[in-house]
N, C-alpha and C. Protein backbone atom coordinates (compact mmCIF):
# COMPACT_ATOMS: atom_id res chain seq x y z
N MET A 1 -3.58 6.03 -15.08
CA MET A 1 -3.86 7.51 -15.35
C MET A 1 -2.94 8.06 -16.10
N PRO A 2 -2.53 8.41 -17.38
CA PRO A 2 -1.58 7.91 -17.88
C PRO A 2 -0.37 10.03 -18.23
N LEU A 3 0.25 9.96 -18.17
CA LEU A 3 1.56 10.66 -18.08
C LEU A 3 1.73 11.46 -18.96
N TYR A 4 0.89 12.60 -19.21
CA TYR A 4 1.26 13.60 -20.23
C TYR A 4 2.40 14.85 -19.78
N GLY A 5 3.01 15.56 -21.22
CA GLY A 5 3.71 16.65 -21.02
C GLY A 5 3.07 17.94 -21.91
N TYR A 6 3.64 19.07 -20.56
CA TYR A 6 2.52 20.09 -21.51
C TYR A 6 3.55 21.30 -21.88
N HIS A 7 2.94 22.55 -22.38
CA HIS A 7 3.90 23.44 -22.42
C HIS A 7 3.24 24.40 -21.72
N CYS A 8 3.46 24.92 -20.74
CA CYS A 8 2.29 26.36 -20.48
C CYS A 8 3.11 27.96 -21.17
N ALA A 9 2.40 28.01 -21.64
CA ALA A 9 2.30 29.44 -22.60
C ALA A 9 2.39 30.94 -21.02
N THR A 10 1.97 30.65 -19.95
CA THR A 10 1.88 31.80 -19.61
C THR A 10 3.55 32.28 -18.62
N CYS A 11 4.00 30.84 -18.24
CA CYS A 11 5.42 30.91 -17.37
C CYS A 11 6.14 30.42 -18.61
N ASP A 12 5.99 29.93 -19.27
CA ASP A 12 7.25 29.00 -20.62
C ASP A 12 7.91 28.35 -20.59
N LYS A 13 6.85 26.93 -19.64
CA LYS A 13 7.78 26.27 -18.56
C LYS A 13 6.77 24.73 -18.93
N ASP A 14 7.93 23.67 -19.56
CA ASP A 14 7.46 22.39 -20.04
C ASP A 14 7.67 21.17 -18.32
N VAL A 15 6.17 20.59 -18.17
CA VAL A 15 5.46 19.77 -17.16
C VAL A 15 4.93 18.41 -17.38
N GLU A 16 5.29 17.57 -17.22
CA GLU A 16 5.20 16.47 -17.48
C GLU A 16 4.24 16.43 -15.58
N LEU A 17 2.38 15.46 -16.38
CA LEU A 17 1.08 15.50 -15.83
C LEU A 17 0.82 14.17 -15.35
N LEU A 18 0.47 13.92 -14.73
CA LEU A 18 -0.25 12.66 -14.80
C LEU A 18 -1.41 13.13 -14.01
N ILE A 19 -2.72 12.76 -15.05
CA ILE A 19 -3.84 13.15 -15.02
C ILE A 19 -4.68 12.73 -16.12
N ARG A 20 -5.65 12.96 -15.51
CA ARG A 20 -7.42 12.12 -16.89
C ARG A 20 -7.08 12.98 -17.55
N ALA A 21 -7.57 12.54 -18.88
CA ALA A 21 -7.58 12.67 -19.95
C ALA A 21 -8.76 14.21 -20.46
N SER A 22 -9.94 13.78 -19.35
CA SER A 22 -11.20 14.82 -18.82
C SER A 22 -10.85 15.50 -18.20
N ASP A 23 -9.44 15.34 -17.51
CA ASP A 23 -9.81 16.78 -16.71
C ASP A 23 -8.91 18.20 -17.29
N THR A 24 -9.43 19.07 -16.75
CA THR A 24 -8.15 20.26 -16.72
C THR A 24 -6.99 20.37 -16.25
N PRO A 25 -5.52 20.35 -17.62
CA PRO A 25 -4.43 20.61 -16.51
C PRO A 25 -4.50 22.14 -15.81
N VAL A 26 -3.27 21.73 -14.71
CA VAL A 26 -3.26 23.60 -14.36
C VAL A 26 -1.19 23.69 -14.43
N CYS A 27 -0.60 24.19 -14.97
CA CYS A 27 0.49 24.49 -14.25
C CYS A 27 0.60 24.35 -13.12
N PRO A 28 1.35 23.40 -12.15
CA PRO A 28 2.50 23.92 -11.01
C PRO A 28 2.99 24.56 -10.79
N ALA A 29 3.68 25.43 -12.19
CA ALA A 29 4.55 26.41 -11.65
C ALA A 29 4.12 27.90 -11.73
N CYS A 30 2.94 28.09 -12.07
CA CYS A 30 2.57 29.25 -11.67
C CYS A 30 0.87 29.23 -12.00
N GLY A 31 -0.06 27.60 -11.90
CA GLY A 31 -1.35 27.61 -12.27
C GLY A 31 -2.11 28.41 -12.54
N GLY A 32 -1.14 28.45 -14.22
CA GLY A 32 -2.21 28.37 -15.09
C GLY A 32 -2.70 27.87 -16.37
N THR A 33 -4.18 27.98 -16.77
CA THR A 33 -4.51 26.88 -17.62
C THR A 33 -4.70 26.93 -18.63
N ALA A 34 -3.21 28.05 -19.27
CA ALA A 34 -2.98 27.63 -20.63
C ALA A 34 -1.96 27.26 -21.16
N LEU A 35 -2.02 25.43 -21.71
CA LEU A 35 -1.34 24.37 -21.21
C LEU A 35 -1.62 23.43 -22.51
N GLU A 36 -0.83 24.01 -23.07
CA GLU A 36 -0.29 22.76 -24.72
C GLU A 36 -0.45 21.31 -24.56
N ARG A 37 -0.34 20.65 -24.56
CA ARG A 37 -0.10 18.95 -24.46
C ARG A 37 0.99 19.23 -25.98
N LEU A 38 2.05 18.55 -25.26
CA LEU A 38 3.30 18.17 -26.44
C LEU A 38 3.15 16.32 -26.59
N VAL A 39 3.96 16.26 -27.99
CA VAL A 39 3.48 15.09 -28.65
C VAL A 39 4.93 14.17 -27.76
N SER A 40 4.60 13.16 -27.28
CA SER A 40 5.76 12.07 -26.93
C SER A 40 6.20 12.05 -27.59
N ARG A 41 7.21 11.14 -27.11
CA ARG A 41 8.49 9.64 -27.95
C ARG A 41 7.95 8.70 -27.41
N VAL A 42 8.28 7.44 -28.04
CA VAL A 42 8.70 6.35 -27.75
C VAL A 42 9.67 6.45 -27.08
N ALA A 43 9.63 5.30 -26.05
CA ALA A 43 11.48 5.12 -25.39
C ALA A 43 11.42 4.42 -26.20
N PRO A 44 12.47 3.81 -26.37
CA PRO A 44 13.43 2.69 -26.38
C PRO A 44 12.98 1.73 -25.52
N GLU A 45 13.68 0.22 -26.60
CA GLU A 45 13.28 -0.96 -25.38
C GLU A 45 14.39 -0.85 -24.48
N GLY A 46 15.18 -0.52 -25.27
CA GLY A 46 16.70 -0.63 -24.10
C GLY A 46 17.29 -2.27 -23.86
N ARG A 47 17.69 -3.18 -24.88
CA ARG A 47 18.38 -4.16 -25.01
C ARG A 47 19.79 -4.11 -25.34
N SER A 48 20.00 -3.51 -25.41
CA SER A 48 21.52 -3.62 -26.09
C SER A 48 22.56 -4.21 -24.84
N LYS A 49 23.39 -4.81 -25.14
CA LYS A 49 23.81 -5.73 -24.66
C LYS A 49 24.86 -4.77 -23.57
N GLY A 50 25.53 -3.91 -24.22
CA GLY A 50 26.37 -2.60 -22.66
C GLY A 50 25.23 -1.89 -21.83
N LEU A 51 23.11 -1.71 -21.80
CA LEU A 51 22.85 -1.26 -21.71
C LEU A 51 22.96 -2.85 -19.92
N ILE A 52 22.56 -3.35 -20.78
CA ILE A 52 22.42 -4.70 -19.45
C ILE A 52 23.48 -4.90 -18.92
N THR A 53 23.87 -5.26 -19.33
CA THR A 53 25.64 -5.32 -18.61
C THR A 53 25.94 -3.95 -17.29
N SER A 54 25.76 -3.22 -17.87
CA SER A 54 25.65 -2.16 -17.02
C SER A 54 25.02 -2.10 -15.66
N ALA A 55 23.18 -2.39 -16.13
CA ALA A 55 22.47 -1.94 -15.34
C ALA A 55 22.81 -3.43 -13.68
N ARG A 56 23.29 -4.71 -14.41
CA ARG A 56 23.39 -6.20 -14.30
C ARG A 56 24.97 -5.35 -12.84
N ALA A 57 25.37 -4.69 -13.67
CA ALA A 57 26.55 -4.65 -12.63
C ALA A 57 26.57 -3.36 -11.12
N GLN A 58 25.81 -2.55 -12.06
CA GLN A 58 24.99 -2.02 -10.89
C GLN A 58 24.63 -2.54 -9.65
N ALA A 59 23.58 -2.85 -10.05
CA ALA A 59 22.93 -3.99 -9.26
C ALA A 59 23.78 -4.78 -8.93
N ALA A 60 24.52 -5.16 -8.85
CA ALA A 60 25.55 -6.44 -8.07
C ALA A 60 26.35 -5.36 -6.51
N ARG A 61 26.54 -4.21 -7.43
CA ARG A 61 27.35 -3.22 -6.67
C ARG A 61 26.87 -2.88 -5.44
N GLU A 62 25.59 -2.61 -5.71
CA GLU A 62 24.48 -2.41 -4.10
C GLU A 62 23.25 -3.27 -3.95
N GLY A 63 23.84 -4.64 -4.43
CA GLY A 63 23.67 -5.96 -3.20
C GLY A 63 21.75 -5.98 -3.54
N HIS A 64 21.73 -5.79 -4.83
CA HIS A 64 20.39 -6.63 -5.07
C HIS A 64 20.54 -7.02 -6.64
N PHE A 65 19.36 -8.17 -6.98
CA PHE A 65 19.31 -8.84 -8.69
C PHE A 65 18.75 -8.18 -9.27
N SER A 66 17.45 -7.48 -9.11
CA SER A 66 16.37 -7.50 -10.08
C SER A 66 16.50 -6.58 -11.17
N HIS A 67 18.10 -7.02 -11.49
CA HIS A 67 18.15 -6.67 -13.52
C HIS A 67 18.19 -7.98 -14.23
N TYR A 68 18.36 -8.99 -12.87
CA TYR A 68 18.71 -10.72 -13.15
C TYR A 68 17.38 -11.45 -13.81
N GLY A 69 17.14 -12.28 -14.71
CA GLY A 69 16.57 -13.30 -15.01
C GLY A 69 16.16 -14.23 -13.84
N ARG A 70 14.97 -14.59 -13.44
CA ARG A 70 14.72 -15.67 -12.55
C ARG A 70 16.08 -16.96 -12.74
N SER A 71 16.58 -17.46 -14.05
CA SER A 71 17.31 -18.23 -13.84
C SER A 71 18.76 -17.70 -13.43
N GLU A 72 19.27 -16.74 -13.67
CA GLU A 72 20.62 -15.97 -13.32
C GLU A 72 20.41 -16.09 -11.45
N ARG A 73 19.20 -15.88 -11.23
CA ARG A 73 19.61 -15.38 -9.78
C ARG A 73 20.09 -16.95 -8.90
N PRO A 74 21.07 -15.75 -7.61
CA PRO A 74 21.71 -16.53 -7.10
C PRO A 74 20.45 -17.54 -5.93
N ARG A 75 20.63 -18.96 -5.81
CA ARG A 75 19.65 -19.43 -5.09
C ARG A 75 19.63 -19.29 -3.23
């Protein structure tokens, strides 16, 4: 099921819901059904050298190697 962003006209809140396209969304805050689907933005790829370096440093601090490639993990 895809994750969709909605704006509730009743309580004026933005929510993200994991819902089938065929189902009617319901606002979790007020229970209203007057929801308008928002346009989603595509997430950037996130492959800049600075992001990778900081993610690897955080993983090393936390004691796991999930951000490393197979060839870079300690044996």
